[in-house]
Amino acid sequence: MRDISGDIGDVAILGVSPDTQKRQRNFDDKHSLGFPLLADVDNEMAEAWGVRGEKKMYGNTFLGVIRSSFLIGPDGCVEQAWYKISPKDTPLRLLEALQAV
């Protein structure tokens, strides 16, 4: 998302994760994201947006955040929702959606 921020006009980018603010700050320092990261350590936001669910890794099942992205219009309504999306595909989908408008 950082790499396309100059191509999306006045669209605001926000990141949300269950990591603490300190861990997010360290991540941002390492990767120079250039957009705000919101800490959802209690998973309230993930639950409300329906992006917390069962995940599997190395044969183990656990509850976690399902990587998702949302395009929210000026009226506050969700225009596009992409669930189980890879970080690589997120900017591509956003650019496609913005070009279609």
C-alpha atoms as a PDB file:
ATOM      1  CA  MET A   1       0.000   0.000   0.000  1.00  0.00           C
ATOM      2  CA  ARG A   2       2.909   2.309   0.747  1.00  0.00           C
ATOM      3  CA  ASP A   3       4.143   1.962  -2.821  1.00  0.00           C
ATOM      4  CA  ILE A   4       0.847   3.061  -4.417  1.00  0.00           C
ATOM      5  CA  SER A   5      -0.051   5.849  -1.990  1.00  0.00           C
ATOM      6  CA  GLY A   6       0.918   8.464  -4.586  1.00  0.00           C
ATOM      7  CA  ASP A   7      -1.438   6.890  -7.155  1.00  0.00           C
ATOM      8  CA  ILE A   8      -4.702   6.913  -5.190  1.00  0.00           C
ATOM      9  CA  GLY A   9      -5.510  10.601  -4.814  1.00  0.00           C
ATOM     10  CA  ASP A  10      -7.078  11.598  -1.517  1.00  0.00           C
ATOM     11  CA  VAL A  11      -7.927   8.025  -0.473  1.00  0.00           C
ATOM     12  CA  ALA A  12      -6.848   7.461   3.140  1.00  0.00           C
ATOM     13  CA  ILE A  13      -5.077   4.243   4.063  1.00  0.00           C
ATOM     14  CA  LEU A  14      -5.391   2.783   7.549  1.00  0.00           C
ATOM     15  CA  GLY A  15      -3.967  -0.468   8.825  1.00  0.00           C
ATOM     16  CA  VAL A  16      -5.465  -2.410  11.719  1.00  0.00           C
ATOM     17  CA  SER A  17      -3.982  -5.361  13.583  1.00  0.00           C
ATOM     18  CA  PRO A  18      -4.188  -6.978  17.008  1.00  0.00           C
ATOM     19  CA  ASP A  19      -0.565  -6.010  17.666  1.00  0.00           C
ATOM     20  CA  THR A  20       0.275  -3.502  20.389  1.00  0.00           C
ATOM     21  CA  GLN A  21       1.095   0.088  19.491  1.00  0.00           C
ATOM     22  CA  LYS A  22       4.759  -0.590  20.294  1.00  0.00           C
ATOM     23  CA  ARG A  23       4.944  -3.553  17.899  1.00  0.00           C
ATOM     24  CA  GLN A  24       3.177  -1.526  15.216  1.00  0.00           C
ATOM     25  CA  ARG A  25       5.582   1.375  15.714  1.00  0.00           C
ATOM     26  CA  ASN A  26       8.521  -1.017  15.315  1.00  0.00           C
ATOM     27  CA  PHE A  27       6.955  -2.483  12.157  1.00  0.00           C
ATOM     28  CA  ASP A  28       6.372   0.999  10.728  1.00  0.00           C
ATOM     29  CA  ASP A  29       9.933   2.061  11.578  1.00  0.00           C
ATOM     30  CA  LYS A  30      11.264  -1.008   9.765  1.00  0.00           C
ATOM     31  CA  HIS A  31       9.047  -0.700   6.658  1.00  0.00           C
ATOM     32  CA  SER A  32       8.332   3.080   6.495  1.00  0.00           C
ATOM     33  CA  LEU A  33       4.642   2.544   5.763  1.00  0.00           C
ATOM     34  CA  GLY A  34       3.576   6.176   5.700  1.00  0.00           C
ATOM     35  CA  PHE A  35       0.035   5.511   6.931  1.00  0.00           C
ATOM     36  CA  PRO A  36      -1.511   5.077  10.391  1.00  0.00           C
ATOM     37  CA  LEU A  37      -1.758   1.693  12.093  1.00  0.00           C
ATOM     38  CA  LEU A  38      -4.549   1.112  14.591  1.00  0.00           C
ATOM     39  CA  ALA A  39      -4.070  -1.315  17.486  1.00  0.00           C
ATOM     40  CA  ASP A  40      -7.022  -3.674  18.001  1.00  0.00           C
ATOM     41  CA  VAL A  41      -5.471  -5.690  20.820  1.00  0.00           C
ATOM     42  CA  ASP A  42      -8.842  -6.817  22.183  1.00  0.00           C
ATOM     43  CA  ASN A  43     -10.099  -7.799  18.683  1.00  0.00           C
ATOM     44  CA  GLU A  44     -13.267  -5.685  19.018  1.00  0.00           C
ATOM     45  CA  MET A  45     -12.831  -4.189  15.569  1.00  0.00           C
ATOM     46  CA  ALA A  46     -11.978  -7.546  13.995  1.00  0.00           C
ATOM     47  CA  GLU A  47     -15.117  -9.069  15.510  1.00  0.00           C
ATOM     48  CA  ALA A  48     -17.299  -6.145  14.398  1.00  0.00           C
ATOM     49  CA  TRP A  49     -16.010  -6.324  10.812  1.00  0.00           C
ATOM     50  CA  GLY A  50     -16.282 -10.115  10.661  1.00  0.00           C
ATOM     51  CA  VAL A  51     -12.585 -10.683  10.062  1.00  0.00           C
ATOM     52  CA  ARG A  52     -11.774 -12.805  13.100  1.00  0.00           C
ATOM     53  CA  GLY A  53     -12.161 -16.494  12.529  1.00  0.00           C
ATOM     54  CA  GLU A  54     -10.687 -19.935  12.456  1.00  0.00           C
ATOM     55  CA  LYS A  55      -7.281 -20.246  10.868  1.00  0.00           C
ATOM     56  CA  LYS A  56      -5.006 -23.217  10.323  1.00  0.00           C
ATOM     57  CA  MET A  57      -1.237 -23.277  10.349  1.00  0.00           C
ATOM     58  CA  TYR A  58       1.133 -26.234  10.607  1.00  0.00           C
ATOM     59  CA  GLY A  59      -1.770 -28.528  11.445  1.00  0.00           C
ATOM     60  CA  ASN A  60      -3.016 -26.343  14.297  1.00  0.00           C
ATOM     61  CA  THR A  61      -6.373 -24.563  14.365  1.00  0.00           C
ATOM     62  CA  PHE A  62      -6.726 -21.246  16.174  1.00  0.00           C
ATOM     63  CA  LEU A  63      -8.696 -17.991  16.185  1.00  0.00           C
ATOM     64  CA  GLY A  64      -7.001 -15.145  14.357  1.00  0.00           C
ATOM     65  CA  VAL A  65      -7.483 -12.199  12.074  1.00  0.00           C
ATOM     66  CA  ILE A  66      -8.367 -13.069   8.495  1.00  0.00           C
ATOM     67  CA  ARG A  67      -6.403 -10.620   6.363  1.00  0.00           C
ATOM     68  CA  SER A  68      -8.987  -8.400   4.690  1.00  0.00           C
ATOM     69  CA  SER A  69      -9.229  -5.005   3.025  1.00  0.00           C
ATOM     70  CA  PHE A  70     -12.134  -2.615   2.657  1.00  0.00           C
ATOM     71  CA  LEU A  71     -12.780   0.346   0.383  1.00  0.00           C
ATOM     72  CA  ILE A  72     -15.070   2.747   2.201  1.00  0.00           C
ATOM     73  CA  GLY A  73     -16.756   5.507   0.229  1.00  0.00           C
ATOM     74  CA  PRO A  74     -17.120   9.154   1.200  1.00  0.00           C
ATOM     75  CA  ASP A  75     -20.548   8.364   2.655  1.00  0.00           C
ATOM     76  CA  GLY A  76     -19.009   5.852   5.093  1.00  0.00           C
ATOM     77  CA  CYS A  77     -20.470   2.793   3.333  1.00  0.00           C
ATOM     78  CA  VAL A  78     -18.335  -0.176   2.314  1.00  0.00           C
ATOM     79  CA  GLU A  79     -17.985  -0.120  -1.468  1.00  0.00           C
ATOM     80  CA  GLN A  80     -15.690  -3.137  -1.790  1.00  0.00           C
ATOM     81  CA  ALA A  81     -14.615  -5.873   0.612  1.00  0.00           C
ATOM     82  CA  TRP A  82     -11.794  -8.306  -0.019  1.00  0.00           C
ATOM     83  CA  TYR A  83     -11.499 -11.192   2.446  1.00  0.00           C
ATOM     84  CA  LYS A  84      -8.547 -13.569   2.644  1.00  0.00           C
ATOM     85  CA  ILE A  85      -6.531 -11.229   0.428  1.00  0.00           C
ATOM     86  CA  SER A  86      -2.766 -11.295   0.206  1.00  0.00           C
ATOM     87  CA  PRO A  87      -0.711  -8.158   0.876  1.00  0.00           C
ATOM     88  CA  LYS A  88       0.511  -8.352  -2.728  1.00  0.00           C
ATOM     89  CA  ASP A  89      -3.030  -8.322  -4.155  1.00  0.00           C
ATOM     90  CA  THR A  90      -4.449  -5.568  -1.948  1.00  0.00           C
ATOM     91  CA  PRO A  91      -2.951  -2.613  -3.876  1.00  0.00           C
ATOM     92  CA  LEU A  92      -3.918  -4.167  -7.209  1.00  0.00           C
ATOM     93  CA  ARG A  93      -7.535  -4.627  -6.163  1.00  0.00           C
ATOM     94  CA  LEU A  94      -7.699  -1.094  -4.765  1.00  0.00           C
ATOM     95  CA  LEU A  95      -6.325   0.438  -7.956  1.00  0.00           C
ATOM     96  CA  GLU A  96      -8.782  -1.592 -10.054  1.00  0.00           C
ATOM     97  CA  ALA A  97     -11.706  -0.489  -7.892  1.00  0.00           C
ATOM     98  CA  LEU A  98     -10.692   3.174  -8.029  1.00  0.00           C
ATOM     99  CA  GLN A  99     -10.297   3.070 -11.814  1.00  0.00           C
ATOM    100  CA  ALA A 100     -13.802   1.623 -12.156  1.00  0.00           C
ATOM    101  CA  VAL A 101     -15.341   4.621 -10.384  1.00  0.00           C
END
